[in-house]
Amino acid sequence: MGYLFSVAAGLIGGVAAVVLIERRRSNKRRRTRSRAANAAGDEKRTAGKIEFSKLFLSAVLLTYFAGFGLGFWAVTIDISQLGVFLAYIGTPTAVAIGFYSWKAKAENVVKIKKANPEETDGIPVDLNNIQP
């Protein structure tokens, strides 16, 4: 029973951490936009949105911790379920981390190209051909 409480506490803590970090980043972006809008004389305020990839990664992590708790409970009852437990946890996590890493790499290639136009002059940025 103590394990279930630990898993639940970890799950709630992880979700709370993601929400708090995103709220802080959103407030910081909103303040920066507000200052820029006030300097330009525009009084419109736009609310910051959480990026889809971060929502996707958060959902996978939420599933990971919930599945881990349930799977751990099932494995303690019947150890023959360990292989299924490991496949359930490992496969979606590997796919999500691979996707997120590939996406971040593609974004960073574009940022580097824009930040260093002289150094990267003549080097094409082919987003369709980025290898993981």
Protein backbone atom coordinates (compact mmCIF):
# COMPACT_ATOMS: atom_id res chain seq x y z
CA MET A 1 0.00 0.00 0.00
CA GLY A 2 2.91 2.32 0.70
CA TYR A 3 4.12 1.87 -2.89
CA LEU A 4 0.79 3.06 -4.26
CA PHE A 5 0.96 6.19 -2.13
CA SER A 6 4.51 6.81 -3.35
CA VAL A 7 3.47 6.42 -6.98
CA ALA A 8 0.46 8.70 -6.49
CA ALA A 9 2.61 11.32 -4.76
CA GLY A 10 5.19 11.15 -7.56
CA LEU A 11 2.48 11.44 -10.19
CA ILE A 12 0.86 14.44 -8.51
CA GLY A 13 4.24 16.06 -7.90
CA GLY A 14 5.30 15.61 -11.51
CA VAL A 15 2.09 17.08 -12.89
CA ALA A 16 2.31 19.98 -10.43
CA ALA A 17 5.92 20.66 -11.42
CA VAL A 18 5.08 20.75 -15.13
CA VAL A 19 2.08 23.04 -14.54
CA LEU A 20 4.06 25.41 -12.30
CA ILE A 21 7.01 25.60 -14.68
CA GLU A 22 4.76 26.29 -17.65
CA ARG A 23 2.75 28.88 -15.72
CA ARG A 24 5.96 30.67 -14.73
CA ARG A 25 7.23 30.66 -18.31
CA SER A 26 3.84 31.82 -19.55
CA ASN A 27 3.73 34.70 -17.07
CA LYS A 28 7.26 35.73 -18.01
CA ARG A 29 6.37 35.75 -21.73
CA ARG A 30 3.17 37.65 -21.01
CA ARG A 31 5.02 40.32 -19.04
CA THR A 32 7.60 40.69 -21.81
CA ARG A 33 4.87 41.03 -24.45
CA SER A 34 2.96 43.47 -22.26
CA ARG A 35 6.01 45.69 -21.86
CA ALA A 36 6.65 45.60 -25.61
CA ALA A 37 2.98 46.35 -26.35
CA ASN A 38 2.93 49.24 -23.86
CA ALA A 39 6.09 50.67 -25.41
CA ALA A 40 4.45 50.46 -28.84
CA GLY A 41 1.19 51.94 -27.53
CA ASP A 42 -0.80 48.73 -28.08
CA GLU A 43 -2.87 47.71 -25.06
CA LYS A 44 -3.79 44.19 -26.26
CA ARG A 45 -2.75 41.32 -24.00
CA THR A 46 -2.38 37.80 -25.28
CA ALA A 47 -2.32 34.77 -23.06
CA GLY A 48 0.62 32.41 -23.50
CA LYS A 49 -0.19 28.91 -24.63
CA ILE A 50 1.60 25.71 -23.73
CA GLU A 51 3.29 24.17 -26.76
CA PHE A 52 1.76 20.97 -28.14
CA SER A 53 5.00 19.03 -27.85
CA LYS A 54 5.25 19.85 -24.14
CA LEU A 55 1.63 18.77 -23.64
CA PHE A 56 2.36 15.57 -25.54
CA LEU A 57 5.46 14.83 -23.50
CA SER A 58 3.59 15.61 -20.27
CA ALA A 59 0.78 13.23 -21.25
CA VAL A 60 3.28 10.47 -21.98
CA LEU A 61 5.02 11.04 -18.66
CA LEU A 62 1.66 11.01 -16.88
CA THR A 63 0.85 7.70 -18.58
CA TYR A 64 4.31 6.45 -17.72
CA PHE A 65 3.92 7.06 -14.00
CA ALA A 66 0.34 5.80 -13.86
CA GLY A 67 1.31 2.68 -15.83
CA PHE A 68 4.36 2.20 -13.69
CA GLY A 69 2.27 2.18 -10.52
CA LEU A 70 -0.31 -0.21 -11.93
CA GLY A 71 2.35 -2.42 -13.52
CA PHE A 72 4.43 -2.53 -10.37
CA TRP A 73 1.37 -3.64 -8.46
CA ALA A 74 0.66 -6.36 -11.09
CA VAL A 75 4.28 -7.57 -11.06
CA THR A 76 4.27 -7.86 -7.28
CA ILE A 77 1.24 -10.15 -7.59
CA ASP A 78 2.53 -12.19 -10.55
CA ILE A 79 6.22 -11.89 -11.55
CA SER A 80 5.54 -13.46 -14.97
CA GLN A 81 4.02 -10.13 -16.04
CA LEU A 82 7.40 -8.37 -15.87
CA GLY A 83 8.02 -8.57 -19.64
CA VAL A 84 4.65 -7.04 -20.44
CA PHE A 85 5.25 -4.36 -17.82
CA LEU A 86 8.61 -3.39 -19.29
CA ALA A 87 7.26 -3.29 -22.85
CA TYR A 88 4.28 -1.17 -21.82
CA ILE A 89 6.48 1.36 -20.09
CA GLY A 90 9.48 1.38 -22.42
CA THR A 91 7.94 1.53 -25.89
CA PRO A 92 5.82 4.69 -25.67
CA THR A 93 8.45 6.43 -23.60
CA ALA A 94 11.19 5.70 -26.15
CA VAL A 95 8.99 6.89 -29.02
CA ALA A 96 8.02 10.11 -27.22
CA ILE A 97 11.58 10.93 -26.20
CA GLY A 98 12.84 10.17 -29.72
CA PHE A 99 10.17 12.40 -31.28
CA TYR A 100 10.83 15.26 -28.89
CA SER A 101 14.60 15.04 -29.43
CA TRP A 102 14.19 15.01 -33.21
CA LYS A 103 11.86 18.03 -33.05
CA ALA A 104 14.26 19.96 -30.78
CA LYS A 105 17.15 19.16 -33.13
CA ALA A 106 15.21 20.47 -36.13
CA GLU A 107 14.34 23.68 -34.28
CA ASN A 108 17.93 24.17 -33.14
CA VAL A 109 19.28 23.76 -36.68
CA VAL A 110 17.05 26.61 -37.83
CA LYS A 111 17.99 28.78 -34.81
CA ILE A 112 21.71 28.24 -35.40
CA LYS A 113 21.32 29.12 -39.08
CA LYS A 114 19.46 32.36 -38.22
CA ALA A 115 21.84 33.34 -35.40
CA ASN A 116 25.02 32.79 -37.44
CA PRO A 117 24.33 33.79 -41.05
CA GLU A 118 27.99 34.45 -41.96
CA GLU A 119 29.36 31.21 -40.51
CA THR A 120 26.59 29.07 -42.06
CA ASP A 121 26.56 30.84 -45.44
CA GLY A 122 26.37 28.23 -48.19
CA ILE A 123 25.26 25.44 -45.86
CA PRO A 124 21.68 24.50 -46.72
CA VAL A 125 19.12 23.74 -44.03
CA ASP A 126 17.14 20.73 -45.20
CA LEU A 127 14.45 20.05 -42.60
CA ASN A 128 13.16 17.06 -44.57
CA ASN A 129 16.48 15.25 -44.28
CA ILE A 130 17.41 15.64 -40.60
CA GLN A 131 18.60 12.33 -39.25
CA PRO A 132 17.82 11.30 -35.66
